[in-house]
Structure formats: structure tokens, C-alpha cells
Amino acid sequence: MPLNRLASISPESTFVKRLVISAVLSQLKTSGLCIAKSHLSIETLETRNSDSLDFYDVAVWSLKKALQEAYEAGHLHHNK
């Protein structure tokens, strides 16, 4: 359910809204990690407080492809 449809849920359904938002954020996090792994060779999106683990050299064409895929995933999710 796109986030803009949450407004149509009754105010009594705050719990449902929170569940939906949590599910959407979880799905986006999973999608982002898959994109990072497949295009940027990044194994985790968690901060590890180490320059050698948190900073990457990335080719611009890989970054471009990852951004395109993320945009398309967001666009598809929004239009469900």
C-alpha cells in the first residue's frame, strides 16, 4: 500500500498505519540492500564505524545503474 493511501485509514487504525509503514520501510531497506550488493558490491548498509568498511570506491556507471534501479523500484511501488 503506497504511503499516500494511509490517509484514508481511519484515525482509530493507528496501529495498522504503523504496521504498514514498518512493512514498507522494511521492503525498501531490503530492496536497497539488494541493489547495493548487485551493482556496488556493498555487503551491508549498516554503519560499521570504520573508514575501510564504510567508504567505497564506486564506478560512476555502477552508481548510475544502482540509482536507476532504485528509482524504478520506487516508481513501481508507488504505482501499485
PDB file of N, CA and C in Angstrom:
ATOM      1  N   MET A   1       0.860  -1.176   0.000  1.00  0.00           N
ATOM      2  CA  MET A   1       0.000   0.000   0.000  1.00  0.00           C
ATOM      3  C   MET A   1       0.897   1.227   0.000  1.00  0.00           C
ATOM      4  N   PRO A   2       0.758   2.097  -0.996  1.00  0.00           N
ATOM      5  CA  PRO A   2       1.559   3.320  -1.000  1.00  0.00           C
ATOM      6  C   PRO A   2       1.253   4.184   0.219  1.00  0.00           C
ATOM      7  N   LEU A   3       2.262   4.913   0.665  1.00  0.00           N
ATOM      8  CA  LEU A   3       2.110   5.712   1.870  1.00  0.00           C
ATOM      9  C   LEU A   3       1.024   6.774   1.738  1.00  0.00           C
ATOM     10  N   ASN A   4       0.782   7.294   0.509  1.00  0.00           N
ATOM     11  CA  ASN A   4      -0.234   8.336   0.354  1.00  0.00           C
ATOM     12  C   ASN A   4      -1.644   7.797   0.579  1.00  0.00           C
ATOM     13  N   ARG A   5      -1.835   6.501   0.549  1.00  0.00           N
ATOM     14  CA  ARG A   5      -3.152   5.915   0.814  1.00  0.00           C
ATOM     15  C   ARG A   5      -3.418   5.742   2.309  1.00  0.00           C
ATOM     16  N   LEU A   6      -2.402   5.945   3.131  1.00  0.00           N
ATOM     17  CA  LEU A   6      -2.582   5.788   4.574  1.00  0.00           C
ATOM     18  C   LEU A   6      -3.565   6.809   5.131  1.00  0.00           C
ATOM     19  N   ALA A   7      -3.694   7.945   4.468  1.00  0.00           N
ATOM     20  CA  ALA A   7      -4.607   8.986   4.949  1.00  0.00           C
ATOM     21  C   ALA A   7      -6.052   8.510   4.950  1.00  0.00           C
ATOM     22  N   SER A   8      -6.381   7.546   4.104  1.00  0.00           N
ATOM     23  CA  SER A   8      -7.757   7.068   4.025  1.00  0.00           C
ATOM     24  C   SER A   8      -8.113   6.095   5.156  1.00  0.00           C
ATOM     25  N   ILE A   9      -7.100   5.634   5.906  1.00  0.00           N
ATOM     26  CA  ILE A   9      -7.363   4.734   7.022  1.00  0.00           C
ATOM     27  C   ILE A   9      -7.866   5.563   8.196  1.00  0.00           C
ATOM     28  N   SER A  10      -8.883   5.068   8.889  1.00  0.00           N
ATOM     29  CA  SER A  10      -9.483   5.814   9.990  1.00  0.00           C
ATOM     30  C   SER A  10      -8.466   6.088  11.094  1.00  0.00           C
ATOM     31  N   PRO A  11      -8.654   7.193  11.831  1.00  0.00           N
ATOM     32  CA  PRO A  11      -7.718   7.533  12.907  1.00  0.00           C
ATOM     33  C   PRO A  11      -7.613   6.444  13.967  1.00  0.00           C
ATOM     34  N   GLU A  12      -8.655   5.630  14.110  1.00  0.00           N
ATOM     35  CA  GLU A  12      -8.620   4.552  15.097  1.00  0.00           C
ATOM     36  C   GLU A  12      -7.639   3.463  14.701  1.00  0.00           C
ATOM     37  N   SER A  13      -7.215   3.491  13.474  1.00  0.00           N
ATOM     38  CA  SER A  13      -6.356   2.428  12.956  1.00  0.00           C
ATOM     39  C   SER A  13      -4.879   2.818  12.984  1.00  0.00           C
ATOM     40  N   THR A  14      -4.457   3.553  13.980  1.00  0.00           N
ATOM     41  CA  THR A  14      -3.061   3.969  14.084  1.00  0.00           C
ATOM     42  C   THR A  14      -2.131   2.765  14.090  1.00  0.00           C
ATOM     43  N   PHE A  15      -2.542   1.727  14.763  1.00  0.00           N
ATOM     44  CA  PHE A  15      -1.728   0.513  14.809  1.00  0.00           C
ATOM     45  C   PHE A  15      -1.525  -0.059  13.413  1.00  0.00           C
ATOM     46  N   VAL A  16      -2.583  -0.070  12.619  1.00  0.00           N
ATOM     47  CA  VAL A  16      -2.494  -0.574  11.242  1.00  0.00           C
ATOM     48  C   VAL A  16      -1.554   0.307  10.432  1.00  0.00           C
ATOM     49  N   LYS A  17      -1.671   1.632  10.601  1.00  0.00           N
ATOM     50  CA  LYS A  17      -0.778   2.551   9.888  1.00  0.00           C
ATOM     51  C   LYS A  17       0.677   2.251  10.219  1.00  0.00           C
ATOM     52  N   ARG A  18       0.947   2.040  11.502  1.00  0.00           N
ATOM     53  CA  ARG A  18       2.326   1.750  11.910  1.00  0.00           C
ATOM     54  C   ARG A  18       2.829   0.448  11.308  1.00  0.00           C
ATOM     55  N   LEU A  19       1.975  -0.564  11.265  1.00  0.00           N
ATOM     56  CA  LEU A  19       2.365  -1.839  10.656  1.00  0.00           C
ATOM     57  C   LEU A  19       2.671  -1.681   9.172  1.00  0.00           C
ATOM     58  N   VAL A  20       1.824  -0.934   8.479  1.00  0.00           N
ATOM     59  CA  VAL A  20       2.015  -0.720   7.037  1.00  0.00           C
ATOM     60  C   VAL A  20       3.305   0.045   6.789  1.00  0.00           C
ATOM     61  N   ILE A  21       3.527   1.110   7.546  1.00  0.00           N
ATOM     62  CA  ILE A  21       4.750   1.896   7.378  1.00  0.00           C
ATOM     63  C   ILE A  21       5.975   1.039   7.667  1.00  0.00           C
ATOM     64  N   SER A  22       5.915   0.234   8.707  1.00  0.00           N
ATOM     65  CA  SER A  22       7.020  -0.651   9.051  1.00  0.00           C
ATOM     66  C   SER A  22       7.298  -1.643   7.924  1.00  0.00           C
ATOM     67  N   ALA A  23       6.246  -2.203   7.352  1.00  0.00           N
ATOM     68  CA  ALA A  23       6.410  -3.161   6.251  1.00  0.00           C
ATOM     69  C   ALA A  23       7.006  -2.490   5.020  1.00  0.00           C
ATOM     70  N   VAL A  24       6.539  -1.282   4.713  1.00  0.00           N
ATOM     71  CA  VAL A  24       7.066  -0.553   3.550  1.00  0.00           C
ATOM     72  C   VAL A  24       8.537  -0.226   3.751  1.00  0.00           C
ATOM     73  N   LEU A  25       8.899   0.271   4.925  1.00  0.00           N
ATOM     74  CA  LEU A  25      10.292   0.605   5.197  1.00  0.00           C
ATOM     75  C   LEU A  25      11.187  -0.630   5.158  1.00  0.00           C
ATOM     76  N   SER A  26      10.681  -1.739   5.662  1.00  0.00           N
ATOM     77  CA  SER A  26      11.434  -2.990   5.621  1.00  0.00           C
ATOM     78  C   SER A  26      11.666  -3.440   4.182  1.00  0.00           C
ATOM     79  N   GLN A  27      10.627  -3.321   3.367  1.00  0.00           N
ATOM     80  CA  GLN A  27      10.741  -3.698   1.957  1.00  0.00           C
ATOM     81  C   GLN A  27      11.739  -2.797   1.235  1.00  0.00           C
ATOM     82  N   LEU A  28      11.691  -1.492   1.515  1.00  0.00           N
ATOM     83  CA  LEU A  28      12.627  -0.565   0.883  1.00  0.00           C
ATOM     84  C   LEU A  28      14.056  -0.840   1.316  1.00  0.00           C
ATOM     85  N   LYS A  29      14.238  -1.165   2.592  1.00  0.00           N
ATOM     86  CA  LYS A  29      15.575  -1.481   3.096  1.00  0.00           C
ATOM     87  C   LYS A  29      16.118  -2.726   2.407  1.00  0.00           C
ATOM     88  N   THR A  30      15.268  -3.739   2.263  1.00  0.00           N
ATOM     89  CA  THR A  30      15.674  -4.973   1.597  1.00  0.00           C
ATOM     90  C   THR A  30      16.015  -4.712   0.138  1.00  0.00           C
ATOM     91  N   SER A  31      15.187  -3.920  -0.548  1.00  0.00           N
ATOM     92  CA  SER A  31      15.445  -3.588  -1.949  1.00  0.00           C
ATOM     93  C   SER A  31      16.748  -2.825  -2.083  1.00  0.00           C
ATOM     94  N   GLY A  32      16.960  -1.871  -1.193  1.00  0.00           N
ATOM     95  CA  GLY A  32      18.188  -1.076  -1.238  1.00  0.00           C
ATOM     96  C   GLY A  32      19.416  -1.928  -1.037  1.00  0.00           C
ATOM     97  N   LEU A  33      19.345  -2.873  -0.132  1.00  0.00           N
ATOM     98  CA  LEU A  33      20.482  -3.760   0.112  1.00  0.00           C
ATOM     99  C   LEU A  33      20.750  -4.638  -1.105  1.00  0.00           C
ATOM    100  N   CYS A  34      19.705  -5.146  -1.723  1.00  0.00           N
ATOM    101  CA  CYS A  34      19.877  -5.971  -2.930  1.00  0.00           C
ATOM    102  C   CYS A  34      20.538  -5.173  -4.045  1.00  0.00           C
ATOM    103  N   ILE A  35      20.115  -3.924  -4.215  1.00  0.00           N
ATOM    104  CA  ILE A  35      20.709  -3.059  -5.243  1.00  0.00           C
ATOM    105  C   ILE A  35      22.170  -2.775  -4.903  1.00  0.00           C
ATOM    106  N   ALA A  36      22.450  -2.476  -3.640  1.00  0.00           N
ATOM    107  CA  ALA A  36      23.828  -2.195  -3.224  1.00  0.00           C
ATOM    108  C   ALA A  36      24.729  -3.404  -3.459  1.00  0.00           C
ATOM    109  N   LYS A  37      24.218  -4.584  -3.156  1.00  0.00           N
ATOM    110  CA  LYS A  37      25.017  -5.798  -3.359  1.00  0.00           C
ATOM    111  C   LYS A  37      25.254  -6.074  -4.844  1.00  0.00           C
ATOM    112  N   SER A  38      24.200  -5.982  -5.644  1.00  0.00           N
ATOM    113  CA  SER A  38      24.323  -6.388  -7.043  1.00  0.00           C
ATOM    114  C   SER A  38      25.082  -5.385  -7.909  1.00  0.00           C
ATOM    115  N   HIS A  39      24.972  -4.104  -7.635  1.00  0.00           N
ATOM    116  CA  HIS A  39      25.598  -3.106  -8.503  1.00  0.00           C
ATOM    117  C   HIS A  39      26.850  -2.470  -7.914  1.00  0.00           C
ATOM    118  N   LEU A  40      26.944  -2.437  -6.589  1.00  0.00           N
ATOM    119  CA  LEU A  40      28.044  -1.701  -5.971  1.00  0.00           C
ATOM    120  C   LEU A  40      28.983  -2.583  -5.150  1.00  0.00           C
ATOM    121  N   SER A  41      28.685  -3.877  -5.068  1.00  0.00           N
ATOM    122  CA  SER A  41      29.485  -4.826  -4.292  1.00  0.00           C
ATOM    123  C   SER A  41      29.607  -4.404  -2.826  1.00  0.00           C
ATOM    124  N   ILE A  42      28.504  -3.883  -2.286  1.00  0.00           N
ATOM    125  CA  ILE A  42      28.445  -3.476  -0.884  1.00  0.00           C
ATOM    126  C   ILE A  42      27.630  -4.525  -0.137  1.00  0.00           C
ATOM    127  N   GLU A  43      28.228  -5.143   0.862  1.00  0.00           N
ATOM    128  CA  GLU A  43      27.595  -6.259   1.560  1.00  0.00           C
ATOM    129  C   GLU A  43      26.567  -5.846   2.610  1.00  0.00           C
ATOM    130  N   THR A  44      26.707  -4.651   3.179  1.00  0.00           N
ATOM    131  CA  THR A  44      25.763  -4.201   4.189  1.00  0.00           C
ATOM    132  C   THR A  44      25.597  -2.694   4.086  1.00  0.00           C
ATOM    133  N   LEU A  45      24.434  -2.210   4.482  1.00  0.00           N
ATOM    134  CA  LEU A  45      24.193  -0.772   4.520  1.00  0.00           C
ATOM    135  C   LEU A  45      24.228  -0.248   5.954  1.00  0.00           C
ATOM    136  N   GLU A  46      24.683  -1.083   6.870  1.00  0.00           N
ATOM    137  CA  GLU A  46      24.813  -0.686   8.262  1.00  0.00           C
ATOM    138  C   GLU A  46      26.137   0.056   8.464  1.00  0.00           C
ATOM    139  N   THR A  47      26.129   1.063   9.312  1.00  0.00           N
ATOM    140  CA  THR A  47      27.355   1.778   9.662  1.00  0.00           C
ATOM    141  C   THR A  47      28.209   0.885  10.548  1.00  0.00           C
ATOM    142  N   ARG A  48      29.495   0.792  10.197  1.00  0.00           N
ATOM    143  CA  ARG A  48      30.395  -0.059  10.973  1.00  0.00           C
ATOM    144  C   ARG A  48      31.498   0.736  11.662  1.00  0.00           C
ATOM    145  N   ASN A  49      31.410   2.060  11.555  1.00  0.00           N
ATOM    146  CA  ASN A  49      32.354   2.964  12.241  1.00  0.00           C
ATOM    147  C   ASN A  49      33.812   2.671  11.930  1.00  0.00           C
ATOM    148  N   SER A  50      34.070   2.382  10.674  1.00  0.00           N
ATOM    149  CA  SER A  50      35.434   2.164  10.220  1.00  0.00           C
ATOM    150  C   SER A  50      35.522   2.669   8.784  1.00  0.00           C
ATOM    151  N   ASP A  51      36.469   3.564   8.519  1.00  0.00           N
ATOM    152  CA  ASP A  51      36.584   4.110   7.169  1.00  0.00           C
ATOM    153  C   ASP A  51      36.744   3.020   6.120  1.00  0.00           C
ATOM    154  N   SER A  52      37.531   2.015   6.439  1.00  0.00           N
ATOM    155  CA  SER A  52      37.782   0.958   5.449  1.00  0.00           C
ATOM    156  C   SER A  52      36.538   0.110   5.178  1.00  0.00           C
ATOM    157  N   LEU A  53      35.582   0.116   6.096  1.00  0.00           N
ATOM    158  CA  LEU A  53      34.356  -0.660   5.924  1.00  0.00           C
ATOM    159  C   LEU A  53      33.154   0.188   5.481  1.00  0.00           C
ATOM    160  N   ASP A  54      33.210   1.484   5.719  1.00  0.00           N
ATOM    161  CA  ASP A  54      32.063   2.348   5.449  1.00  0.00           C
ATOM    162  C   ASP A  54      32.195   3.202   4.187  1.00  0.00           C
ATOM    163  N   PHE A  55      33.379   3.299   3.610  1.00  0.00           N
ATOM    164  CA  PHE A  55      33.583   4.092   2.400  1.00  0.00           C
ATOM    165  C   PHE A  55      34.036   3.176   1.267  1.00  0.00           C
ATOM    166  N   TYR A  56      33.495   3.446   0.069  1.00  0.00           N
ATOM    167  CA  TYR A  56      33.768   2.583  -1.082  1.00  0.00           C
ATOM    168  C   TYR A  56      34.174   3.416  -2.287  1.00  0.00           C
ATOM    169  N   ASP A  57      35.031   2.844  -3.119  1.00  0.00           N
ATOM    170  CA  ASP A  57      35.290   3.403  -4.443  1.00  0.00           C
ATOM    171  C   ASP A  57      34.289   2.745  -5.374  1.00  0.00           C
ATOM    172  N   VAL A  58      33.509   3.553  -6.064  1.00  0.00           N
ATOM    173  CA  VAL A  58      32.445   3.033  -6.926  1.00  0.00           C
ATOM    174  C   VAL A  58      32.555   3.684  -8.296  1.00  0.00           C
ATOM    175  N   ALA A  59      32.493   2.876  -9.327  1.00  0.00           N
ATOM    176  CA  ALA A  59      32.496   3.415 -10.689  1.00  0.00           C
ATOM    177  C   ALA A  59      31.197   4.175 -10.935  1.00  0.00           C
ATOM    178  N   VAL A  60      31.299   5.273 -11.678  1.00  0.00           N
ATOM    179  CA  VAL A  60      30.103   6.095 -11.914  1.00  0.00           C
ATOM    180  C   VAL A  60      29.027   5.320 -12.659  1.00  0.00           C
ATOM    181  N   TRP A  61      29.406   4.416 -13.555  1.00  0.00           N
ATOM    182  CA  TRP A  61      28.400   3.648 -14.294  1.00  0.00           C
ATOM    183  C   TRP A  61      27.673   2.667 -13.374  1.00  0.00           C
ATOM    184  N   SER A  62      28.370   2.152 -12.354  1.00  0.00           N
ATOM    185  CA  SER A  62      27.710   1.280 -11.379  1.00  0.00           C
ATOM    186  C   SER A  62      26.752   2.080 -10.504  1.00  0.00           C
ATOM    187  N   LEU A  63      27.187   3.252 -10.094  1.00  0.00           N
ATOM    188  CA  LEU A  63      26.324   4.118  -9.296  1.00  0.00           C
ATOM    189  C   LEU A  63      25.098   4.538 -10.099  1.00  0.00           C
ATOM    190  N   LYS A  64      25.298   4.878 -11.363  1.00  0.00           N
ATOM    191  CA  LYS A  64      24.179   5.273 -12.228  1.00  0.00           C
ATOM    192  C   LYS A  64      23.169   4.134 -12.354  1.00  0.00           C
ATOM    193  N   LYS A  65      23.642   2.926 -12.582  1.00  0.00           N
ATOM    194  CA  LYS A  65      22.752   1.773 -12.715  1.00  0.00           C
ATOM    195  C   LYS A  65      22.003   1.505 -11.410  1.00  0.00           C
ATOM    196  N   ALA A  66      22.688   1.614 -10.281  1.00  0.00           N
ATOM    197  CA  ALA A  66      22.051   1.390  -8.979  1.00  0.00           C
ATOM    198  C   ALA A  66      20.974   2.439  -8.722  1.00  0.00           C
ATOM    199  N   LEU A  67      21.257   3.696  -9.039  1.00  0.00           N
ATOM    200  CA  LEU A  67      20.271   4.760  -8.848  1.00  0.00           C
ATOM    201  C   LEU A  67      19.067   4.572  -9.769  1.00  0.00           C
ATOM    202  N   GLN A  68      19.316   4.151 -11.003  1.00  0.00           N
ATOM    203  CA  GLN A  68      18.209   3.896 -11.929  1.00  0.00           C
ATOM    204  C   GLN A  68      17.314   2.776 -11.412  1.00  0.00           C
ATOM    205  N   GLU A  69      17.922   1.708 -10.947  1.00  0.00           N
ATOM    206  CA  GLU A  69      17.142   0.581 -10.434  1.00  0.00           C
ATOM    207  C   GLU A  69      16.357   0.976  -9.182  1.00  0.00           C
ATOM    208  N   ALA A  70      16.966   1.762  -8.315  1.00  0.00           N
ATOM    209  CA  ALA A  70      16.265   2.222  -7.105  1.00  0.00           C
ATOM    210  C   ALA A  70      15.086   3.123  -7.483  1.00  0.00           C
ATOM    211  N   TYR A  71      15.291   4.002  -8.446  1.00  0.00           N
ATOM    212  CA  TYR A  71      14.213   4.885  -8.898  1.00  0.00           C
ATOM    213  C   TYR A  71      13.058   4.068  -9.471  1.00  0.00           C
ATOM    214  N   GLU A  72      13.383   3.097 -10.329  1.00  0.00           N
ATOM    215  CA  GLU A  72      12.353   2.261 -10.941  1.00  0.00           C
ATOM    216  C   GLU A  72      11.603   1.450  -9.891  1.00  0.00           C
ATOM    217  N   ALA A  73      12.305   0.937  -8.892  1.00  0.00           N
ATOM    218  CA  ALA A  73      11.657   0.177  -7.822  1.00  0.00           C
ATOM    219  C   ALA A  73      10.698   1.072  -7.046  1.00  0.00           C
ATOM    220  N   GLY A  74      11.118   2.286  -6.751  1.00  0.00           N
ATOM    221  CA  GLY A  74      10.251   3.227  -6.048  1.00  0.00           C
ATOM    222  C   GLY A  74       9.048   3.618  -6.885  1.00  0.00           C
ATOM    223  N   HIS A  75       9.267   3.812  -8.162  1.00  0.00           N
ATOM    224  CA  HIS A  75       8.175   4.177  -9.072  1.00  0.00           C
ATOM    225  C   HIS A  75       7.154   3.040  -9.166  1.00  0.00           C
ATOM    226  N   LEU A  76       7.621   1.813  -9.290  1.00  0.00           N
ATOM    227  CA  LEU A  76       6.713   0.661  -9.345  1.00  0.00           C
ATOM    228  C   LEU A  76       5.942   0.507  -8.051  1.00  0.00           C
ATOM    229  N   HIS A  77       6.617   0.696  -6.928  1.00  0.00           N
ATOM    230  CA  HIS A  77       5.950   0.567  -5.623  1.00  0.00           C
ATOM    231  C   HIS A  77       4.882   1.645  -5.448  1.00  0.00           C
ATOM    232  N   HIS A  78       5.196   2.848  -5.879  1.00  0.00           N
ATOM    233  CA  HIS A  78       4.255   3.968  -5.726  1.00  0.00           C
ATOM    234  C   HIS A  78       2.994   3.762  -6.572  1.00  0.00           C
ATOM    235  N   ASN A  79       3.142   3.114  -7.710  1.00  0.00           N
ATOM    236  CA  ASN A  79       2.005   2.944  -8.633  1.00  0.00           C
ATOM    237  C   ASN A  79       1.207   1.671  -8.401  1.00  0.00           C
ATOM    238  N   LYS A  80       1.488   0.956  -7.323  1.00  0.00           N
ATOM    239  CA  LYS A  80       0.716  -0.264  -7.023  1.00  0.00           C
ATOM    240  C   LYS A  80      -0.693   0.091  -6.653  1.00  0.00           C
TER     241      LYS A  80
END
